[in-house]
PDB file of N, CA and C in Angstrom:
ATOM      1  N   MET A   1     -18.270   9.001  -4.194  1.00  0.00           N
ATOM      2  CA  MET A   1     -17.494   8.306  -3.184  1.00  0.00           C
ATOM      3  C   MET A   1     -16.719   9.363  -2.388  1.00  0.00           C
ATOM      4  N   ASN A   2     -16.796   9.284  -1.061  1.00  0.00           N
ATOM      5  CA  ASN A   2     -16.058  10.245  -0.244  1.00  0.00           C
ATOM      6  C   ASN A   2     -14.599   9.797  -0.077  1.00  0.00           C
ATOM      7  N   GLN A   3     -13.802  10.638   0.575  1.00  0.00           N
ATOM      8  CA  GLN A   3     -12.365  10.362   0.692  1.00  0.00           C
ATOM      9  C   GLN A   3     -12.091   9.071   1.461  1.00  0.00           C
ATOM     10  N   THR A   4     -12.814   8.862   2.551  1.00  0.00           N
ATOM     11  CA  THR A   4     -12.610   7.650   3.352  1.00  0.00           C
ATOM     12  C   THR A   4     -12.916   6.403   2.531  1.00  0.00           C
ATOM     13  N   GLU A   5     -14.019   6.412   1.814  1.00  0.00           N
ATOM     14  CA  GLU A   5     -14.380   5.265   0.973  1.00  0.00           C
ATOM     15  C   GLU A   5     -13.324   5.028  -0.105  1.00  0.00           C
ATOM     16  N   LYS A   6     -12.825   6.110  -0.672  1.00  0.00           N
ATOM     17  CA  LYS A   6     -11.802   5.978  -1.717  1.00  0.00           C
ATOM     18  C   LYS A   6     -10.538   5.331  -1.154  1.00  0.00           C
ATOM     19  N   ILE A   7     -10.114   5.761   0.024  1.00  0.00           N
ATOM     20  CA  ILE A   7      -8.914   5.181   0.638  1.00  0.00           C
ATOM     21  C   ILE A   7      -9.149   3.712   0.966  1.00  0.00           C
ATOM     22  N   ILE A   8     -10.285   3.401   1.546  1.00  0.00           N
ATOM     23  CA  ILE A   8     -10.589   2.010   1.913  1.00  0.00           C
ATOM     24  C   ILE A   8     -10.648   1.129   0.668  1.00  0.00           C
ATOM     25  N   ASN A   9     -11.344   1.570  -0.365  1.00  0.00           N
ATOM     26  CA  ASN A   9     -11.433   0.783  -1.602  1.00  0.00           C
ATOM     27  C   ASN A   9     -10.065   0.574  -2.242  1.00  0.00           C
ATOM     28  N   THR A  10      -9.264   1.628  -2.265  1.00  0.00           N
ATOM     29  CA  THR A  10      -7.932   1.524  -2.850  1.00  0.00           C
ATOM     30  C   THR A  10      -7.054   0.597  -2.019  1.00  0.00           C
ATOM     31  N   THR A  11      -7.146   0.712  -0.707  1.00  0.00           N
ATOM     32  CA  THR A  11      -6.373  -0.161   0.194  1.00  0.00           C
ATOM     33  C   THR A  11      -6.746  -1.616  -0.030  1.00  0.00           C
ATOM     34  N   GLN A  12      -8.035  -1.887  -0.160  1.00  0.00           N
ATOM     35  CA  GLN A  12      -8.496  -3.261  -0.376  1.00  0.00           C
ATOM     36  C   GLN A  12      -8.086  -3.788  -1.748  1.00  0.00           C
ATOM     37  N   TYR A  13      -7.836  -2.913  -2.684  1.00  0.00           N
ATOM     38  CA  TYR A  13      -7.318  -3.320  -3.991  1.00  0.00           C
ATOM     39  C   TYR A  13      -5.810  -3.597  -3.923  1.00  0.00           C
ATOM     40  N   LEU A  14      -5.084  -2.729  -3.223  1.00  0.00           N
ATOM     41  CA  LEU A  14      -3.628  -2.804  -3.222  1.00  0.00           C
ATOM     42  C   LEU A  14      -3.048  -3.885  -2.324  1.00  0.00           C
ATOM     43  N   PHE A  15      -3.522  -3.973  -1.104  1.00  0.00           N
ATOM     44  CA  PHE A  15      -2.807  -4.735  -0.098  1.00  0.00           C
ATOM     45  C   PHE A  15      -3.025  -6.246  -0.076  1.00  0.00           C
ATOM     46  N   PRO A  16      -4.138  -6.773  -0.507  1.00  0.00           N
ATOM     47  CA  PRO A  16      -4.296  -8.231  -0.411  1.00  0.00           C
ATOM     48  C   PRO A  16      -3.440  -9.042  -1.387  1.00  0.00           C
ATOM     49  N   CYS A  17      -2.794  -8.419  -2.330  1.00  0.00           N
ATOM     50  CA  CYS A  17      -1.970  -9.159  -3.292  1.00  0.00           C
ATOM     51  C   CYS A  17      -0.839  -9.880  -2.576  1.00  0.00           C
ATOM     52  N   LYS A  18      -0.597 -11.089  -2.990  1.00  0.00           N
ATOM     53  CA  LYS A  18       0.490 -11.894  -2.416  1.00  0.00           C
ATOM     54  C   LYS A  18       1.519 -12.184  -3.495  1.00  0.00           C
ATOM     55  N   PHE A  19       2.758 -11.831  -3.209  1.00  0.00           N
ATOM     56  CA  PHE A  19       3.844 -12.014  -4.156  1.00  0.00           C
ATOM     57  C   PHE A  19       4.014 -13.470  -4.564  1.00  0.00           C
ATOM     58  N   ASP A  20       3.836 -14.382  -3.613  1.00  0.00           N
ATOM     59  CA  ASP A  20       4.074 -15.793  -3.908  1.00  0.00           C
ATOM     60  C   ASP A  20       2.854 -16.513  -4.467  1.00  0.00           C
ATOM     61  N   ASP A  21       1.782 -15.806  -4.703  1.00  0.00           N
ATOM     62  CA  ASP A  21       0.576 -16.394  -5.286  1.00  0.00           C
ATOM     63  C   ASP A  21       0.797 -16.572  -6.787  1.00  0.00           C
ATOM     64  N   PRO A  22       0.593 -17.771  -7.324  1.00  0.00           N
ATOM     65  CA  PRO A  22       0.793 -17.986  -8.765  1.00  0.00           C
ATOM     66  C   PRO A  22      -0.102 -17.092  -9.634  1.00  0.00           C
ATOM     67  N   ALA A  23      -1.214 -16.631  -9.077  1.00  0.00           N
ATOM     68  CA  ALA A  23      -2.117 -15.773  -9.841  1.00  0.00           C
ATOM     69  C   ALA A  23      -1.633 -14.324  -9.907  1.00  0.00           C
ATOM     70  N   PHE A  24      -0.631 -13.987  -9.091  1.00  0.00           N
ATOM     71  CA  PHE A  24      -0.133 -12.606  -9.085  1.00  0.00           C
ATOM     72  C   PHE A  24       0.638 -12.323 -10.354  1.00  0.00           C
ATOM     73  N   ASP A  25       0.324 -11.223 -10.990  1.00  0.00           N
ATOM     74  CA  ASP A  25       1.001 -10.804 -12.214  1.00  0.00           C
ATOM     75  C   ASP A  25       2.006  -9.708 -11.853  1.00  0.00           C
ATOM     76  N   ALA A  26       3.285 -10.003 -11.956  1.00  0.00           N
ATOM     77  CA  ALA A  26       4.326  -9.045 -11.577  1.00  0.00           C
ATOM     78  C   ALA A  26       4.225  -7.752 -12.383  1.00  0.00           C
ATOM     79  N   ASP A  27       3.784  -7.848 -13.616  1.00  0.00           N
ATOM     80  CA  ASP A  27       3.625  -6.638 -14.425  1.00  0.00           C
ATOM     81  C   ASP A  27       2.567  -5.715 -13.846  1.00  0.00           C
ATOM     82  N   ASP A  28       1.600  -6.299 -13.165  1.00  0.00           N
ATOM     83  CA  ASP A  28       0.521  -5.522 -12.563  1.00  0.00           C
ATOM     84  C   ASP A  28       1.018  -4.716 -11.368  1.00  0.00           C
ATOM     85  N   SER A  29       2.171  -5.059 -10.813  1.00  0.00           N
ATOM     86  CA  SER A  29       2.681  -4.333  -9.655  1.00  0.00           C
ATOM     87  C   SER A  29       2.959  -2.868  -9.996  1.00  0.00           C
ATOM     88  N   TYR A  30       3.291  -2.579 -11.253  1.00  0.00           N
ATOM     89  CA  TYR A  30       3.490  -1.191 -11.662  1.00  0.00           C
ATOM     90  C   TYR A  30       2.176  -0.429 -11.604  1.00  0.00           C
ATOM     91  N   GLU A  31       1.111  -1.084 -11.989  1.00  0.00           N
ATOM     92  CA  GLU A  31      -0.205  -0.459 -11.887  1.00  0.00           C
ATOM     93  C   GLU A  31      -0.522  -0.159 -10.425  1.00  0.00           C
ATOM     94  N   HIS A  32      -0.189  -1.096  -9.543  1.00  0.00           N
ATOM     95  CA  HIS A  32      -0.424  -0.873  -8.112  1.00  0.00           C
ATOM     96  C   HIS A  32       0.354   0.353  -7.624  1.00  0.00           C
ATOM     97  N   SER A  33       1.582   0.482  -8.044  1.00  0.00           N
ATOM     98  CA  SER A  33       2.391   1.632  -7.641  1.00  0.00           C
ATOM     99  C   SER A  33       1.770   2.938  -8.122  1.00  0.00           C
ATOM    100  N   ASP A  34       1.277   2.927  -9.356  1.00  0.00           N
ATOM    101  CA  ASP A  34       0.644   4.129  -9.900  1.00  0.00           C
ATOM    102  C   ASP A  34      -0.619   4.491  -9.122  1.00  0.00           C
ATOM    103  N   VAL A  35      -1.414   3.487  -8.803  1.00  0.00           N
ATOM    104  CA  VAL A  35      -2.640   3.724  -8.037  1.00  0.00           C
ATOM    105  C   VAL A  35      -2.295   4.301  -6.663  1.00  0.00           C
ATOM    106  N   ALA A  36      -1.290   3.734  -6.009  1.00  0.00           N
ATOM    107  CA  ALA A  36      -0.877   4.222  -4.690  1.00  0.00           C
ATOM    108  C   ALA A  36      -0.380   5.661  -4.775  1.00  0.00           C
ATOM    109  N   LYS A  37       0.469   5.931  -5.742  1.00  0.00           N
ATOM    110  CA  LYS A  37       1.009   7.280  -5.891  1.00  0.00           C
ATOM    111  C   LYS A  37      -0.094   8.283  -6.178  1.00  0.00           C
ATOM    112  N   ASN A  38      -1.018   7.926  -7.041  1.00  0.00           N
ATOM    113  CA  ASN A  38      -2.126   8.830  -7.376  1.00  0.00           C
ATOM    114  C   ASN A  38      -2.988   9.133  -6.159  1.00  0.00           C
ATOM    115  N   LEU A  39      -3.231   8.117  -5.346  1.00  0.00           N
ATOM    116  CA  LEU A  39      -4.029   8.324  -4.134  1.00  0.00           C
ATOM    117  C   LEU A  39      -3.321   9.295  -3.188  1.00  0.00           C
ATOM    118  N   ILE A  40      -2.027   9.096  -2.994  1.00  0.00           N
ATOM    119  CA  ILE A  40      -1.250   9.978  -2.113  1.00  0.00           C
ATOM    120  C   ILE A  40      -1.195  11.388  -2.692  1.00  0.00           C
ATOM    121  N   ASP A  41      -0.995  11.498  -3.993  1.00  0.00           N
ATOM    122  CA  ASP A  41      -0.954  12.824  -4.625  1.00  0.00           C
ATOM    123  C   ASP A  41      -2.289  13.553  -4.458  1.00  0.00           C
ATOM    124  N   GLU A  42      -3.373  12.802  -4.589  1.00  0.00           N
ATOM    125  CA  GLU A  42      -4.704  13.420  -4.521  1.00  0.00           C
ATOM    126  C   GLU A  42      -5.109  13.786  -3.092  1.00  0.00           C
ATOM    127  N   LEU A  43      -4.904  12.869  -2.153  1.00  0.00           N
ATOM    128  CA  LEU A  43      -5.441  13.063  -0.803  1.00  0.00           C
ATOM    129  C   LEU A  43      -4.386  13.435   0.236  1.00  0.00           C
ATOM    130  N   GLY A  44      -3.140  13.189  -0.083  1.00  0.00           N
ATOM    131  CA  GLY A  44      -2.064  13.529   0.844  1.00  0.00           C
ATOM    132  C   GLY A  44      -1.691  12.364   1.740  1.00  0.00           C
ATOM    133  N   TRP A  45      -0.420  12.333   2.082  1.00  0.00           N
ATOM    134  CA  TRP A  45       0.132  11.259   2.900  1.00  0.00           C
ATOM    135  C   TRP A  45      -0.519  11.212   4.277  1.00  0.00           C
ATOM    136  N   ASP A  46      -0.761  12.390   4.863  1.00  0.00           N
ATOM    137  CA  ASP A  46      -1.358  12.438   6.203  1.00  0.00           C
ATOM    138  C   ASP A  46      -2.722  11.760   6.253  1.00  0.00           C
ATOM    139  N   MET A  47      -3.450  11.800   5.160  1.00  0.00           N
ATOM    140  CA  MET A  47      -4.782  11.191   5.103  1.00  0.00           C
ATOM    141  C   MET A  47      -4.696   9.686   4.831  1.00  0.00           C
ATOM    142  N   VAL A  48      -3.769   9.264   4.001  1.00  0.00           N
ATOM    143  CA  VAL A  48      -3.680   7.869   3.550  1.00  0.00           C
ATOM    144  C   VAL A  48      -2.941   6.972   4.552  1.00  0.00           C
ATOM    145  N   PHE A  49      -1.848   7.459   5.100  1.00  0.00           N
ATOM    146  CA  PHE A  49      -0.990   6.631   5.940  1.00  0.00           C
ATOM    147  C   PHE A  49      -1.720   5.911   7.071  1.00  0.00           C
ATOM    148  N   PRO A  50      -2.588   6.570   7.842  1.00  0.00           N
ATOM    149  CA  PRO A  50      -3.243   5.857   8.955  1.00  0.00           C
ATOM    150  C   PRO A  50      -4.035   4.628   8.502  1.00  0.00           C
ATOM    151  N   TYR A  51      -4.651   4.698   7.345  1.00  0.00           N
ATOM    152  CA  TYR A  51      -5.415   3.554   6.840  1.00  0.00           C
ATOM    153  C   TYR A  51      -4.482   2.416   6.442  1.00  0.00           C
ATOM    154  N   TRP A  52      -3.371   2.748   5.796  1.00  0.00           N
ATOM    155  CA  TRP A  52      -2.427   1.710   5.385  1.00  0.00           C
ATOM    156  C   TRP A  52      -1.737   1.094   6.592  1.00  0.00           C
ATOM    157  N   PHE A  53      -1.369   1.911   7.536  1.00  0.00           N
ATOM    158  CA  PHE A  53      -0.730   1.406   8.753  1.00  0.00           C
ATOM    159  C   PHE A  53      -1.696   0.487   9.498  1.00  0.00           C
ATOM    160  N   ASP A  54      -2.944   0.887   9.596  1.00  0.00           N
ATOM    161  CA  ASP A  54      -3.958   0.068  10.260  1.00  0.00           C
ATOM    162  C   ASP A  54      -4.128  -1.276   9.538  1.00  0.00           C
ATOM    163  N   TYR A  55      -4.157  -1.228   8.208  1.00  0.00           N
ATOM    164  CA  TYR A  55      -4.302  -2.469   7.439  1.00  0.00           C
ATOM    165  C   TYR A  55      -3.146  -3.420   7.735  1.00  0.00           C
ATOM    166  N   LEU A  56      -1.931  -2.918   7.702  1.00  0.00           N
ATOM    167  CA  LEU A  56      -0.765  -3.767   7.951  1.00  0.00           C
ATOM    168  C   LEU A  56      -0.797  -4.336   9.366  1.00  0.00           C
ATOM    169  N   GLN A  57      -1.213  -3.538  10.330  1.00  0.00           N
ATOM    170  CA  GLN A  57      -1.292  -4.033  11.705  1.00  0.00           C
ATOM    171  C   GLN A  57      -2.350  -5.125  11.854  1.00  0.00           C
ATOM    172  N   ARG A  58      -3.458  -4.979  11.181  1.00  0.00           N
ATOM    173  CA  ARG A  58      -4.558  -5.948  11.307  1.00  0.00           C
ATOM    174  C   ARG A  58      -4.342  -7.219  10.496  1.00  0.00           C
ATOM    175  N   HIS A  59      -3.746  -7.071   9.321  1.00  0.00           N
ATOM    176  CA  HIS A  59      -3.703  -8.190   8.372  1.00  0.00           C
ATOM    177  C   HIS A  59      -2.328  -8.802   8.174  1.00  0.00           C
ATOM    178  N   CYS A  60      -1.334  -8.315   8.866  1.00  0.00           N
ATOM    179  CA  CYS A  60       0.021  -8.861   8.734  1.00  0.00           C
ATOM    180  C   CYS A  60       0.553  -9.225  10.116  1.00  0.00           C
ATOM    181  N   PRO A  61      -0.022 -10.243  10.725  1.00  0.00           N
ATOM    182  CA  PRO A  61       0.363 -10.587  12.087  1.00  0.00           C
ATOM    183  C   PRO A  61       1.715 -11.307  12.195  1.00  0.00           C
ATOM    184  N   ALA A  62       2.174 -11.869  11.103  1.00  0.00           N
ATOM    185  CA  ALA A  62       3.421 -12.648  11.143  1.00  0.00           C
ATOM    186  C   ALA A  62       4.452 -12.035  10.198  1.00  0.00           C
ATOM    187  N   GLU A  63       5.705 -12.331  10.470  1.00  0.00           N
ATOM    188  CA  GLU A  63       6.786 -11.788   9.649  1.00  0.00           C
ATOM    189  C   GLU A  63       6.628 -12.082   8.155  1.00  0.00           C
ATOM    190  N   PRO A  64       6.252 -13.306   7.768  1.00  0.00           N
ATOM    191  CA  PRO A  64       6.106 -13.557   6.320  1.00  0.00           C
ATOM    192  C   PRO A  64       5.062 -12.651   5.661  1.00  0.00           C
ATOM    193  N   ASP A  65       4.033 -12.284   6.411  1.00  0.00           N
ATOM    194  CA  ASP A  65       3.022 -11.388   5.851  1.00  0.00           C
ATOM    195  C   ASP A  65       3.625 -10.020   5.550  1.00  0.00           C
ATOM    196  N   VAL A  66       4.434  -9.531   6.465  1.00  0.00           N
ATOM    197  CA  VAL A  66       5.063  -8.224   6.275  1.00  0.00           C
ATOM    198  C   VAL A  66       6.126  -8.307   5.196  1.00  0.00           C
ATOM    199  N   VAL A  67       6.899  -9.385   5.193  1.00  0.00           N
ATOM    200  CA  VAL A  67       7.948  -9.552   4.193  1.00  0.00           C
ATOM    201  C   VAL A  67       7.348  -9.546   2.793  1.00  0.00           C
ATOM    202  N   ASN A  68       6.160 -10.105   2.627  1.00  0.00           N
ATOM    203  CA  ASN A  68       5.487 -10.073   1.331  1.00  0.00           C
ATOM    204  C   ASN A  68       5.430  -8.647   0.804  1.00  0.00           C
ATOM    205  N   TYR A  69       5.152  -7.713   1.655  1.00  0.00           N
ATOM    206  CA  TYR A  69       5.067  -6.323   1.224  1.00  0.00           C
ATOM    207  C   TYR A  69       6.442  -5.697   1.060  1.00  0.00           C
ATOM    208  N   MET A  70       7.373  -6.046   1.922  1.00  0.00           N
ATOM    209  CA  MET A  70       8.697  -5.440   1.875  1.00  0.00           C
ATOM    210  C   MET A  70       9.477  -5.905   0.647  1.00  0.00           C
ATOM    211  N   VAL A  71       9.332  -7.161   0.282  1.00  0.00           N
ATOM    212  CA  VAL A  71      10.111  -7.713  -0.825  1.00  0.00           C
ATOM    213  C   VAL A  71       9.515  -7.318  -2.165  1.00  0.00           C
ATOM    214  N   GLU A  72       8.216  -7.447  -2.298  1.00  0.00           N
ATOM    215  CA  GLU A  72       7.599  -7.347  -3.598  1.00  0.00           C
ATOM    216  C   GLU A  72       7.044  -5.973  -3.906  1.00  0.00           C
ATOM    217  N   LYS A  73       6.502  -5.317  -2.935  1.00  0.00           N
ATOM    218  CA  LYS A  73       5.687  -4.152  -3.208  1.00  0.00           C
ATOM    219  C   LYS A  73       6.488  -2.881  -3.431  1.00  0.00           C
ATOM    220  N   PRO A  74       6.443  -2.344  -4.623  1.00  0.00           N
ATOM    221  CA  PRO A  74       6.951  -0.989  -4.798  1.00  0.00           C
ATOM    222  C   PRO A  74       6.155  -0.023  -3.919  1.00  0.00           C
ATOM    223  N   LEU A  75       4.951  -0.428  -3.567  1.00  0.00           N
ATOM    224  CA  LEU A  75       4.102   0.373  -2.694  1.00  0.00           C
ATOM    225  C   LEU A  75       4.785   0.650  -1.364  1.00  0.00           C
ATOM    226  N   ILE A  76       5.468  -0.333  -0.804  1.00  0.00           N
ATOM    227  CA  ILE A  76       6.145  -0.134   0.473  1.00  0.00           C
ATOM    228  C   ILE A  76       7.297   0.850   0.296  1.00  0.00           C
ATOM    229  N   SER A  77       8.012   0.752  -0.797  1.00  0.00           N
ATOM    230  CA  SER A  77       9.074   1.721  -1.057  1.00  0.00           C
ATOM    231  C   SER A  77       8.496   3.130  -1.114  1.00  0.00           C
ATOM    232  N   LEU A  78       7.364   3.248  -1.744  1.00  0.00           N
ATOM    233  CA  LEU A  78       6.695   4.536  -1.814  1.00  0.00           C
ATOM    234  C   LEU A  78       6.296   5.009  -0.418  1.00  0.00           C
ATOM    235  N   MET A  79       5.755   4.094   0.393  1.00  0.00           N
ATOM    236  CA  MET A  79       5.364   4.451   1.753  1.00  0.00           C
ATOM    237  C   MET A  79       6.566   4.897   2.572  1.00  0.00           C
ATOM    238  N   VAL A  80       7.665   4.173   2.468  1.00  0.00           N
ATOM    239  CA  VAL A  80       8.855   4.508   3.238  1.00  0.00           C
ATOM    240  C   VAL A  80       9.404   5.859   2.799  1.00  0.00           C
ATOM    241  N   SER A  81       9.464   6.097   1.508  1.00  0.00           N
ATOM    242  CA  SER A  81       9.987   7.382   1.042  1.00  0.00           C
ATOM    243  C   SER A  81       9.076   8.529   1.485  1.00  0.00           C
ATOM    244  N   GLN A  82       7.768   8.303   1.452  1.00  0.00           N
ATOM    245  CA  GLN A  82       6.831   9.323   1.920  1.00  0.00           C
ATOM    246  C   GLN A  82       7.017   9.582   3.408  1.00  0.00           C
ATOM    247  N   LEU A  83       7.156   8.521   4.173  1.00  0.00           N
ATOM    248  CA  LEU A  83       7.330   8.649   5.613  1.00  0.00           C
ATOM    249  C   LEU A  83       8.622   9.382   5.924  1.00  0.00           C
ATOM    250  N   ASN A  84       9.689   9.039   5.220  1.00  0.00           N
ATOM    251  CA  ASN A  84      10.972   9.703   5.438  1.00  0.00           C
ATOM    252  C   ASN A  84      10.893  11.186   5.122  1.00  0.00           C
ATOM    253  N   SER A  85      10.223  11.538   4.036  1.00  0.00           N
ATOM    254  CA  SER A  85      10.106  12.950   3.679  1.00  0.00           C
ATOM    255  C   SER A  85       9.185  13.682   4.656  1.00  0.00           C
ATOM    256  N   TYR A  86       8.218  12.985   5.210  1.00  0.00           N
ATOM    257  CA  TYR A  86       7.291  13.589   6.172  1.00  0.00           C
ATOM    258  C   TYR A  86       8.013  13.903   7.472  1.00  0.00           C
ATOM    259  N   GLN A  87       8.951  13.037   7.866  1.00  0.00           N
ATOM    260  CA  GLN A  87       9.639  13.182   9.143  1.00  0.00           C
ATOM    261  C   GLN A  87      10.742  14.239   9.103  1.00  0.00           C
ATOM    262  N   THR A  88      11.200  14.610   7.916  1.00  0.00           N
ATOM    263  CA  THR A  88      12.308  15.571   7.839  1.00  0.00           C
ATOM    264  C   THR A  88      11.805  16.981   7.793  1.00  0.00           C
TER     265      THR A  88
END
């Protein structure tokens, strides 16, 4: 699997989860954070961020969609901290 495929597959695993879905397992969110961190550690923020940003733009057209990620996802905290460190 090449880098692009790895990012796309990981993105498709991480982002479709919905916090308010009864099938969502909150304990699994830690696994999601680990997967996200490992991807960034392996490929770098510069490589991963454009795919994640594109996903959010395409699949989160309304505020509740974005809030799902902001409220529940440790992944978003990771993204924000990465972005902040990248900008400084």
